[in-house]
Amino acid sequence: MKRLVLLGGLLGGLAGSLALAACVAEGPGPGPVPPGAPEGACGAPGLQGLVGQNRKVLNTMKFGQPVRIIEPDTAVTMDYIAERLNIELDEAGTITRVSCG
């Protein structure tokens, strides 16, 4: 009986871990903007013209803030840094989204 209880506890812990991992494993891209975070602090609103362009355009640009290039199937942290510029790409190397975070 003791082994059955121990096994049940291990399986319950494993199920809880998997459920938590499923909540954390969102698709690429930044999480929601935290309350009180300055919107556009990274300059993303002024860079929306990049959407639809090839990633090669980024080679000609210099940024004054941290930049995170997010390619398909790339794992990203869920921390929010208002000054960080996120540039998301699709499989063809086209810029699909420019945002802060």
PDB file of N, CA and C in Angstrom:
ATOM      1  N   MET A   1       0.828  -1.194   0.000  1.00  0.00           N
ATOM      2  CA  MET A   1       0.000   0.000   0.000  1.00  0.00           C
ATOM      3  C   MET A   1       0.868   1.250   0.000  1.00  0.00           C
ATOM      4  N   LYS A   2       1.990   1.202   0.727  1.00  0.00           N
ATOM      5  CA  LYS A   2       2.881   2.347   0.802  1.00  0.00           C
ATOM      6  C   LYS A   2       3.456   2.697  -0.574  1.00  0.00           C
ATOM      7  N   ARG A   3       3.787   1.666  -1.370  1.00  0.00           N
ATOM      8  CA  ARG A   3       4.329   1.899  -2.711  1.00  0.00           C
ATOM      9  C   ARG A   3       3.295   2.539  -3.619  1.00  0.00           C
ATOM     10  N   LEU A   4       2.053   2.145  -3.491  1.00  0.00           N
ATOM     11  CA  LEU A   4       0.989   2.702  -4.311  1.00  0.00           C
ATOM     12  C   LEU A   4       0.803   4.191  -4.012  1.00  0.00           C
ATOM     13  N   VAL A   5       0.853   4.581  -2.753  1.00  0.00           N
ATOM     14  CA  VAL A   5       0.723   5.984  -2.372  1.00  0.00           C
ATOM     15  C   VAL A   5       1.905   6.786  -2.898  1.00  0.00           C
ATOM     16  N   LEU A   6       3.113   6.240  -2.803  1.00  0.00           N
ATOM     17  CA  LEU A   6       4.311   6.912  -3.295  1.00  0.00           C
ATOM     18  C   LEU A   6       4.230   7.096  -4.798  1.00  0.00           C
ATOM     19  N   LEU A   7       3.819   6.061  -5.520  1.00  0.00           N
ATOM     20  CA  LEU A   7       3.687   6.142  -6.965  1.00  0.00           C
ATOM     21  C   LEU A   7       2.631   7.168  -7.354  1.00  0.00           C
ATOM     22  N   GLY A   8       1.522   7.200  -6.635  1.00  0.00           N
ATOM     23  CA  GLY A   8       0.468   8.182  -6.903  1.00  0.00           C
ATOM     24  C   GLY A   8       0.974   9.601  -6.699  1.00  0.00           C
ATOM     25  N   GLY A   9       1.785   9.803  -5.663  1.00  0.00           N
ATOM     26  CA  GLY A   9       2.352  11.136  -5.411  1.00  0.00           C
ATOM     27  C   GLY A   9       3.306  11.554  -6.514  1.00  0.00           C
ATOM     28  N   LEU A  10       4.116  10.614  -7.000  1.00  0.00           N
ATOM     29  CA  LEU A  10       5.050  10.924  -8.092  1.00  0.00           C
ATOM     30  C   LEU A  10       4.304  11.260  -9.371  1.00  0.00           C
ATOM     31  N   LEU A  11       3.284  10.487  -9.688  1.00  0.00           N
ATOM     32  CA  LEU A  11       2.508  10.752 -10.898  1.00  0.00           C
ATOM     33  C   LEU A  11       1.765  12.077 -10.798  1.00  0.00           C
ATOM     34  N   GLY A  12       1.250  12.386  -9.629  1.00  0.00           N
ATOM     35  CA  GLY A  12       0.568  13.667  -9.431  1.00  0.00           C
ATOM     36  C   GLY A  12       1.526  14.839  -9.611  1.00  0.00           C
ATOM     37  N   GLY A  13       2.733  14.696  -9.080  1.00  0.00           N
ATOM     38  CA  GLY A  13       3.742  15.745  -9.242  1.00  0.00           C
ATOM     39  C   GLY A  13       4.141  15.915 -10.694  1.00  0.00           C
ATOM     40  N   LEU A  14       4.269  14.813 -11.413  1.00  0.00           N
ATOM     41  CA  LEU A  14       4.616  14.866 -12.832  1.00  0.00           C
ATOM     42  C   LEU A  14       3.509  15.541 -13.632  1.00  0.00           C
ATOM     43  N   ALA A  15       2.274  15.207 -13.335  1.00  0.00           N
ATOM     44  CA  ALA A  15       1.144  15.819 -14.038  1.00  0.00           C
ATOM     45  C   ALA A  15       1.107  17.323 -13.775  1.00  0.00           C
ATOM     46  N   GLY A  16       1.370  17.731 -12.547  1.00  0.00           N
ATOM     47  CA  GLY A  16       1.404  19.154 -12.220  1.00  0.00           C
ATOM     48  C   GLY A  16       2.512  19.871 -12.960  1.00  0.00           C
ATOM     49  N   SER A  17       3.677  19.241 -13.061  1.00  0.00           N
ATOM     50  CA  SER A  17       4.806  19.841 -13.786  1.00  0.00           C
ATOM     51  C   SER A  17       4.481  20.002 -15.255  1.00  0.00           C
ATOM     52  N   LEU A  18       3.853  18.994 -15.841  1.00  0.00           N
ATOM     53  CA  LEU A  18       3.486  19.078 -17.254  1.00  0.00           C
ATOM     54  C   LEU A  18       2.450  20.161 -17.491  1.00  0.00           C
ATOM     55  N   ALA A  19       1.510  20.310 -16.591  1.00  0.00           N
ATOM     56  CA  ALA A  19       0.495  21.352 -16.732  1.00  0.00           C
ATOM     57  C   ALA A  19       1.139  22.729 -16.651  1.00  0.00           C
ATOM     58  N   LEU A  20       2.069  22.899 -15.742  1.00  0.00           N
ATOM     59  CA  LEU A  20       2.773  24.174 -15.617  1.00  0.00           C
ATOM     60  C   LEU A  20       3.589  24.457 -16.866  1.00  0.00           C
ATOM     61  N   ALA A  21       4.275  23.454 -17.393  1.00  0.00           N
ATOM     62  CA  ALA A  21       5.069  23.630 -18.610  1.00  0.00           C
ATOM     63  C   ALA A  21       4.184  24.027 -19.781  1.00  0.00           C
ATOM     64  N   ALA A  22       2.996  23.489 -19.848  1.00  0.00           N
ATOM     65  CA  ALA A  22       2.083  23.831 -20.931  1.00  0.00           C
ATOM     66  C   ALA A  22       1.657  25.288 -20.833  1.00  0.00           C
ATOM     67  N   CYS A  23       1.510  25.803 -19.634  1.00  0.00           N
ATOM     68  CA  CYS A  23       1.135  27.203 -19.456  1.00  0.00           C
ATOM     69  C   CYS A  23       2.272  28.134 -19.849  1.00  0.00           C
ATOM     70  N   VAL A  24       3.490  27.741 -19.583  1.00  0.00           N
ATOM     71  CA  VAL A  24       4.652  28.575 -19.865  1.00  0.00           C
ATOM     72  C   VAL A  24       5.037  28.514 -21.326  1.00  0.00           C
ATOM     73  N   ALA A  25       4.818  27.380 -21.984  1.00  0.00           N
ATOM     74  CA  ALA A  25       5.281  27.183 -23.356  1.00  0.00           C
ATOM     75  C   ALA A  25       4.318  27.813 -24.346  1.00  0.00           C
ATOM     76  N   GLU A  26       4.317  29.131 -24.409  1.00  0.00           N
ATOM     77  CA  GLU A  26       3.513  29.831 -25.390  1.00  0.00           C
ATOM     78  C   GLU A  26       4.312  29.934 -26.678  1.00  0.00           C
ATOM     79  N   GLY A  27       3.675  30.362 -27.734  1.00  0.00           N
ATOM     80  CA  GLY A  27       4.356  30.551 -29.002  1.00  0.00           C
ATOM     81  C   GLY A  27       5.354  31.687 -28.910  1.00  0.00           C
ATOM     82  N   PRO A  28       6.123  31.898 -29.976  1.00  0.00           N
ATOM     83  CA  PRO A  28       7.107  32.967 -29.951  1.00  0.00           C
ATOM     84  C   PRO A  28       6.441  34.328 -29.817  1.00  0.00           C
ATOM     85  N   GLY A  29       7.207  35.245 -29.291  1.00  0.00           N
ATOM     86  CA  GLY A  29       6.696  36.587 -29.143  1.00  0.00           C
ATOM     87  C   GLY A  29       6.619  36.986 -27.703  1.00  0.00           C
ATOM     88  N   PRO A  30       6.578  38.271 -27.464  1.00  0.00           N
ATOM     89  CA  PRO A  30       6.558  38.768 -26.097  1.00  0.00           C
ATOM     90  C   PRO A  30       5.214  38.555 -25.438  1.00  0.00           C
ATOM     91  N   GLY A  31       5.214  38.565 -24.128  1.00  0.00           N
ATOM     92  CA  GLY A  31       3.988  38.429 -23.371  1.00  0.00           C
ATOM     93  C   GLY A  31       3.244  39.749 -23.341  1.00  0.00           C
ATOM     94  N   PRO A  32       2.182  39.820 -22.578  1.00  0.00           N
ATOM     95  CA  PRO A  32       1.405  41.054 -22.491  1.00  0.00           C
ATOM     96  C   PRO A  32       2.193  42.162 -21.806  1.00  0.00           C
ATOM     97  N   VAL A  33       1.843  43.383 -22.117  1.00  0.00           N
ATOM     98  CA  VAL A  33       2.509  44.536 -21.517  1.00  0.00           C
ATOM     99  C   VAL A  33       2.042  44.670 -20.080  1.00  0.00           C
ATOM    100  N   PRO A  34       3.000  44.690 -19.122  1.00  0.00           N
ATOM    101  CA  PRO A  34       2.610  44.842 -17.724  1.00  0.00           C
ATOM    102  C   PRO A  34       1.975  46.208 -17.473  1.00  0.00           C
ATOM    103  N   PRO A  35       1.070  46.306 -16.502  1.00  0.00           N
ATOM    104  CA  PRO A  35       0.464  47.598 -16.184  1.00  0.00           C
ATOM    105  C   PRO A  35       1.537  48.605 -15.782  1.00  0.00           C
ATOM    106  N   GLY A  36       1.416  49.816 -16.262  1.00  0.00           N
ATOM    107  CA  GLY A  36       2.355  50.872 -15.917  1.00  0.00           C
ATOM    108  C   GLY A  36       3.590  50.916 -16.797  1.00  0.00           C
ATOM    109  N   ALA A  37       3.751  49.960 -17.722  1.00  0.00           N
ATOM    110  CA  ALA A  37       4.913  49.962 -18.611  1.00  0.00           C
ATOM    111  C   ALA A  37       4.698  51.015 -19.694  1.00  0.00           C
ATOM    112  N   PRO A  38       5.743  51.813 -19.994  1.00  0.00           N
ATOM    113  CA  PRO A  38       5.579  52.842 -21.024  1.00  0.00           C
ATOM    114  C   PRO A  38       5.445  52.204 -22.404  1.00  0.00           C
ATOM    115  N   GLU A  39       4.326  52.428 -23.061  1.00  0.00           N
ATOM    116  CA  GLU A  39       4.086  51.829 -24.370  1.00  0.00           C
ATOM    117  C   GLU A  39       4.952  52.529 -25.413  1.00  0.00           C
ATOM    118  N   GLY A  40       5.654  51.760 -26.223  1.00  0.00           N
ATOM    119  CA  GLY A  40       6.487  52.318 -27.275  1.00  0.00           C
ATOM    120  C   GLY A  40       7.842  52.796 -26.804  1.00  0.00           C
ATOM    121  N   ALA A  41       8.264  52.426 -25.597  1.00  0.00           N
ATOM    122  CA  ALA A  41       9.545  52.893 -25.058  1.00  0.00           C
ATOM    123  C   ALA A  41      10.734  52.411 -25.890  1.00  0.00           C
ATOM    124  N   CYS A  42      10.547  51.360 -26.683  1.00  0.00           N
ATOM    125  CA  CYS A  42      11.644  50.798 -27.474  1.00  0.00           C
ATOM    126  C   CYS A  42      11.706  51.404 -28.868  1.00  0.00           C
ATOM    127  N   GLY A  43      10.754  52.223 -29.239  1.00  0.00           N
ATOM    128  CA  GLY A  43      10.734  52.823 -30.565  1.00  0.00           C
ATOM    129  C   GLY A  43       9.959  52.024 -31.601  1.00  0.00           C
ATOM    130  N   ALA A  44       9.275  50.965 -31.188  1.00  0.00           N
ATOM    131  CA  ALA A  44       8.539  50.118 -32.129  1.00  0.00           C
ATOM    132  C   ALA A  44       7.486  50.871 -32.951  1.00  0.00           C
ATOM    133  N   PRO A  45       6.753  51.815 -32.365  1.00  0.00           N
ATOM    134  CA  PRO A  45       5.740  52.498 -33.179  1.00  0.00           C
ATOM    135  C   PRO A  45       6.338  53.173 -34.422  1.00  0.00           C
ATOM    136  N   GLY A  46       7.533  53.685 -34.313  1.00  0.00           N
ATOM    137  CA  GLY A  46       8.174  54.345 -35.449  1.00  0.00           C
ATOM    138  C   GLY A  46       8.848  53.396 -36.427  1.00  0.00           C
ATOM    139  N   LEU A  47       8.874  52.108 -36.105  1.00  0.00           N
ATOM    140  CA  LEU A  47       9.521  51.120 -36.964  1.00  0.00           C
ATOM    141  C   LEU A  47       8.540  50.154 -37.624  1.00  0.00           C
ATOM    142  N   GLN A  48       7.267  50.484 -37.611  1.00  0.00           N
ATOM    143  CA  GLN A  48       6.263  49.601 -38.194  1.00  0.00           C
ATOM    144  C   GLN A  48       6.426  49.448 -39.706  1.00  0.00           C
ATOM    145  N   GLY A  49       7.150  50.341 -40.331  1.00  0.00           N
ATOM    146  CA  GLY A  49       7.431  50.236 -41.761  1.00  0.00           C
ATOM    147  C   GLY A  49       8.299  49.038 -42.100  1.00  0.00           C
ATOM    148  N   LEU A  50       8.939  48.434 -41.101  1.00  0.00           N
ATOM    149  CA  LEU A  50       9.747  47.237 -41.332  1.00  0.00           C
ATOM    150  C   LEU A  50       8.892  46.005 -41.613  1.00  0.00           C
ATOM    151  N   VAL A  51       7.660  46.009 -41.124  1.00  0.00           N
ATOM    152  CA  VAL A  51       6.775  44.851 -41.307  1.00  0.00           C
ATOM    153  C   VAL A  51       6.557  44.631 -42.807  1.00  0.00           C
ATOM    154  N   GLY A  52       6.796  43.397 -43.229  1.00  0.00           N
ATOM    155  CA  GLY A  52       6.654  43.032 -44.637  1.00  0.00           C
ATOM    156  C   GLY A  52       7.971  43.045 -45.396  1.00  0.00           C
ATOM    157  N   GLN A  53       9.017  43.596 -44.782  1.00  0.00           N
ATOM    158  CA  GLN A  53      10.325  43.640 -45.442  1.00  0.00           C
ATOM    159  C   GLN A  53      11.148  42.414 -45.079  1.00  0.00           C
ATOM    160  N   ASN A  54      12.157  42.141 -45.902  1.00  0.00           N
ATOM    161  CA  ASN A  54      13.068  41.025 -45.650  1.00  0.00           C
ATOM    162  C   ASN A  54      14.011  41.383 -44.517  1.00  0.00           C
ATOM    163  N   ARG A  55      14.434  40.377 -43.778  1.00  0.00           N
ATOM    164  CA  ARG A  55      15.332  40.576 -42.635  1.00  0.00           C
ATOM    165  C   ARG A  55      16.643  41.255 -43.021  1.00  0.00           C
ATOM    166  N   LYS A  56      17.034  41.199 -44.283  1.00  0.00           N
ATOM    167  CA  LYS A  56      18.296  41.807 -44.728  1.00  0.00           C
ATOM    168  C   LYS A  56      18.330  43.307 -44.462  1.00  0.00           C
ATOM    169  N   VAL A  57      17.159  43.938 -44.419  1.00  0.00           N
ATOM    170  CA  VAL A  57      17.107  45.368 -44.142  1.00  0.00           C
ATOM    171  C   VAL A  57      17.687  45.677 -42.758  1.00  0.00           C
ATOM    172  N   LEU A  58      17.632  44.718 -41.850  1.00  0.00           N
ATOM    173  CA  LEU A  58      18.141  44.929 -40.495  1.00  0.00           C
ATOM    174  C   LEU A  58      19.661  45.073 -40.478  1.00  0.00           C
ATOM    175  N   ASN A  59      20.336  44.493 -41.477  1.00  0.00           N
ATOM    176  CA  ASN A  59      21.799  44.593 -41.545  1.00  0.00           C
ATOM    177  C   ASN A  59      22.271  46.021 -41.779  1.00  0.00           C
ATOM    178  N   THR A  60      21.421  46.871 -42.306  1.00  0.00           N
ATOM    179  CA  THR A  60      21.792  48.255 -42.593  1.00  0.00           C
ATOM    180  C   THR A  60      21.405  49.206 -41.469  1.00  0.00           C
ATOM    181  N   MET A  61      20.790  48.673 -40.420  1.00  0.00           N
ATOM    182  CA  MET A  61      20.272  49.520 -39.347  1.00  0.00           C
ATOM    183  C   MET A  61      21.113  49.405 -38.084  1.00  0.00           C
ATOM    184  N   LYS A  62      21.129  50.495 -37.317  1.00  0.00           N
ATOM    185  CA  LYS A  62      21.753  50.515 -35.992  1.00  0.00           C
ATOM    186  C   LYS A  62      20.672  50.894 -35.002  1.00  0.00           C
ATOM    187  N   PHE A  63      20.673  50.182 -33.887  1.00  0.00           N
ATOM    188  CA  PHE A  63      19.666  50.412 -32.867  1.00  0.00           C
ATOM    189  C   PHE A  63      20.340  50.890 -31.587  1.00  0.00           C
ATOM    190  N   GLY A  64      19.701  51.820 -30.898  1.00  0.00           N
ATOM    191  CA  GLY A  64      20.233  52.350 -29.659  1.00  0.00           C
ATOM    192  C   GLY A  64      19.705  51.635 -28.422  1.00  0.00           C
ATOM    193  N   GLN A  65      19.030  50.528 -28.613  1.00  0.00           N
ATOM    194  CA  GLN A  65      18.457  49.773 -27.506  1.00  0.00           C
ATOM    195  C   GLN A  65      18.661  48.286 -27.781  1.00  0.00           C
ATOM    196  N   PRO A  66      18.453  47.454 -26.776  1.00  0.00           N
ATOM    197  CA  PRO A  66      18.561  46.010 -27.009  1.00  0.00           C
ATOM    198  C   PRO A  66      17.529  45.561 -28.052  1.00  0.00           C
ATOM    199  N   VAL A  67      17.945  44.641 -28.912  1.00  0.00           N
ATOM    200  CA  VAL A  67      17.070  44.122 -29.961  1.00  0.00           C
ATOM    201  C   VAL A  67      17.047  42.600 -29.864  1.00  0.00           C
ATOM    202  N   ARG A  68      15.862  42.030 -29.992  1.00  0.00           N
ATOM    203  CA  ARG A  68      15.720  40.579 -29.988  1.00  0.00           C
ATOM    204  C   ARG A  68      15.047  40.179 -31.302  1.00  0.00           C
ATOM    205  N   ILE A  69      15.776  39.406 -32.111  1.00  0.00           N
ATOM    206  CA  ILE A  69      15.240  38.883 -33.361  1.00  0.00           C
ATOM    207  C   ILE A  69      14.611  37.530 -33.041  1.00  0.00           C
ATOM    208  N   ILE A  70      13.338  37.381 -33.338  1.00  0.00           N
ATOM    209  CA  ILE A  70      12.602  36.162 -32.998  1.00  0.00           C
ATOM    210  C   ILE A  70      12.233  35.436 -34.290  1.00  0.00           C
ATOM    211  N   GLU A  71      12.914  34.331 -34.521  1.00  0.00           N
ATOM    212  CA  GLU A  71      12.651  33.517 -35.698  1.00  0.00           C
ATOM    213  C   GLU A  71      11.632  32.433 -35.347  1.00  0.00           C
ATOM    214  N   PRO A  72      10.992  31.815 -36.364  1.00  0.00           N
ATOM    215  CA  PRO A  72      10.018  30.759 -36.079  1.00  0.00           C
ATOM    216  C   PRO A  72      10.633  29.653 -35.229  1.00  0.00           C
ATOM    217  N   ASP A  73       9.859  29.144 -34.303  1.00  0.00           N
ATOM    218  CA  ASP A  73      10.253  28.040 -33.421  1.00  0.00           C
ATOM    219  C   ASP A  73      11.428  28.392 -32.508  1.00  0.00           C
ATOM    220  N   THR A  74      11.682  29.674 -32.301  1.00  0.00           N
ATOM    221  CA  THR A  74      12.726  30.102 -31.387  1.00  0.00           C
ATOM    222  C   THR A  74      12.117  30.302 -30.004  1.00  0.00           C
ATOM    223  N   ALA A  75      12.745  29.726 -29.003  1.00  0.00           N
ATOM    224  CA  ALA A  75      12.289  29.923 -27.628  1.00  0.00           C
ATOM    225  C   ALA A  75      12.704  31.315 -27.170  1.00  0.00           C
ATOM    226  N   VAL A  76      11.796  32.016 -26.529  1.00  0.00           N
ATOM    227  CA  VAL A  76      12.098  33.339 -25.988  1.00  0.00           C
ATOM    228  C   VAL A  76      11.683  33.387 -24.529  1.00  0.00           C
ATOM    229  N   THR A  77      12.356  34.222 -23.764  1.00  0.00           N
ATOM    230  CA  THR A  77      11.982  34.396 -22.367  1.00  0.00           C
ATOM    231  C   THR A  77      10.711  35.230 -22.312  1.00  0.00           C
ATOM    232  N   MET A  78       9.971  35.075 -21.254  1.00  0.00           N
ATOM    233  CA  MET A  78       8.703  35.792 -21.117  1.00  0.00           C
ATOM    234  C   MET A  78       8.870  37.079 -20.303  1.00  0.00           C
ATOM    235  N   ASP A  79      10.098  37.434 -19.958  1.00  0.00           N
ATOM    236  CA  ASP A  79      10.302  38.666 -19.208  1.00  0.00           C
ATOM    237  C   ASP A  79      10.020  39.862 -20.112  1.00  0.00           C
ATOM    238  N   TYR A  80       9.517  40.920 -19.536  1.00  0.00           N
ATOM    239  CA  TYR A  80       9.183  42.114 -20.291  1.00  0.00           C
ATOM    240  C   TYR A  80      10.204  43.193 -19.983  1.00  0.00           C
ATOM    241  N   ILE A  81      10.874  43.668 -21.014  1.00  0.00           N
ATOM    242  CA  ILE A  81      11.813  44.785 -20.886  1.00  0.00           C
ATOM    243  C   ILE A  81      11.309  45.864 -21.833  1.00  0.00           C
ATOM    244  N   ALA A  82      10.776  46.947 -21.281  1.00  0.00           N
ATOM    245  CA  ALA A  82      10.099  47.978 -22.070  1.00  0.00           C
ATOM    246  C   ALA A  82      10.999  48.569 -23.155  1.00  0.00           C
ATOM    247  N   GLU A  83      12.294  48.654 -22.900  1.00  0.00           N
ATOM    248  CA  GLU A  83      13.220  49.263 -23.854  1.00  0.00           C
ATOM    249  C   GLU A  83      13.710  48.290 -24.929  1.00  0.00           C
ATOM    250  N   ARG A  84      13.376  47.000 -24.798  1.00  0.00           N
ATOM    251  CA  ARG A  84      13.864  46.009 -25.767  1.00  0.00           C
ATOM    252  C   ARG A  84      12.934  45.952 -26.972  1.00  0.00           C
ATOM    253  N   LEU A  85      13.537  46.005 -28.161  1.00  0.00           N
ATOM    254  CA  LEU A  85      12.808  45.910 -29.414  1.00  0.00           C
ATOM    255  C   LEU A  85      12.757  44.455 -29.847  1.00  0.00           C
ATOM    256  N   ASN A  86      11.559  43.945 -30.097  1.00  0.00           N
ATOM    257  CA  ASN A  86      11.372  42.588 -30.594  1.00  0.00           C
ATOM    258  C   ASN A  86      11.003  42.668 -32.070  1.00  0.00           C
ATOM    259  N   ILE A  87      11.742  41.917 -32.889  1.00  0.00           N
ATOM    260  CA  ILE A  87      11.453  41.847 -34.316  1.00  0.00           C
ATOM    261  C   ILE A  87      11.189  40.385 -34.642  1.00  0.00           C
ATOM    262  N   GLU A  88       9.963  40.089 -35.052  1.00  0.00           N
ATOM    263  CA  GLU A  88       9.570  38.703 -35.347  1.00  0.00           C
ATOM    264  C   GLU A  88       9.625  38.451 -36.848  1.00  0.00           C
ATOM    265  N   LEU A  89      10.119  37.265 -37.198  1.00  0.00           N
ATOM    266  CA  LEU A  89      10.273  36.871 -38.597  1.00  0.00           C
ATOM    267  C   LEU A  89       9.441  35.627 -38.886  1.00  0.00           C
ATOM    268  N   ASP A  90       9.077  35.446 -40.162  1.00  0.00           N
ATOM    269  CA  ASP A  90       8.434  34.196 -40.556  1.00  0.00           C
ATOM    270  C   ASP A  90       9.486  33.281 -41.188  1.00  0.00           C
ATOM    271  N   GLU A  91       9.029  32.137 -41.695  1.00  0.00           N
ATOM    272  CA  GLU A  91       9.948  31.136 -42.244  1.00  0.00           C
ATOM    273  C   GLU A  91      10.740  31.661 -43.445  1.00  0.00           C
ATOM    274  N   ALA A  92      10.179  32.615 -44.179  1.00  0.00           N
ATOM    275  CA  ALA A  92      10.846  33.159 -45.366  1.00  0.00           C
ATOM    276  C   ALA A  92      11.809  34.299 -45.024  1.00  0.00           C
ATOM    277  N   GLY A  93      11.883  34.675 -43.745  1.00  0.00           N
ATOM    278  CA  GLY A  93      12.753  35.774 -43.349  1.00  0.00           C
ATOM    279  C   GLY A  93      12.098  37.133 -43.482  1.00  0.00           C
ATOM    280  N   THR A  94      10.791  37.150 -43.569  1.00  0.00           N
ATOM    281  CA  THR A  94      10.039  38.405 -43.664  1.00  0.00           C
ATOM    282  C   THR A  94       9.673  38.866 -42.257  1.00  0.00           C
ATOM    283  N   ILE A  95       9.823  40.149 -42.017  1.00  0.00           N
ATOM    284  CA  ILE A  95       9.470  40.723 -40.719  1.00  0.00           C
ATOM    285  C   ILE A  95       7.952  40.759 -40.613  1.00  0.00           C
ATOM    286  N   THR A  96       7.427  40.134 -39.565  1.00  0.00           N
ATOM    287  CA  THR A  96       5.969  40.042 -39.401  1.00  0.00           C
ATOM    288  C   THR A  96       5.448  40.905 -38.254  1.00  0.00           C
ATOM    289  N   ARG A  97       6.324  41.279 -37.335  1.00  0.00           N
ATOM    290  CA  ARG A  97       5.869  42.063 -36.181  1.00  0.00           C
ATOM    291  C   ARG A  97       7.047  42.797 -35.579  1.00  0.00           C
ATOM    292  N   VAL A  98       6.811  44.029 -35.146  1.00  0.00           N
ATOM    293  CA  VAL A  98       7.795  44.844 -34.433  1.00  0.00           C
ATOM    294  C   VAL A  98       7.100  45.337 -33.174  1.00  0.00           C
ATOM    295  N   SER A  99       7.670  45.008 -32.010  1.00  0.00           N
ATOM    296  CA  SER A  99       7.021  45.375 -30.751  1.00  0.00           C
ATOM    297  C   SER A  99       8.065  45.581 -29.660  1.00  0.00           C
ATOM    298  N   CYS A 100       7.628  46.123 -28.555  1.00  0.00           N
ATOM    299  CA  CYS A 100       8.496  46.285 -27.393  1.00  0.00           C
ATOM    300  C   CYS A 100       8.331  45.083 -26.482  1.00  0.00           C
ATOM    301  N   GLY A 101       9.323  44.840 -25.702  1.00  0.00           N
ATOM    302  CA  GLY A 101       9.217  43.764 -24.719  1.00  0.00           C
ATOM    303  C   GLY A 101      10.470  43.063 -24.521  1.00  0.00           C
TER     304      GLY A 101
END
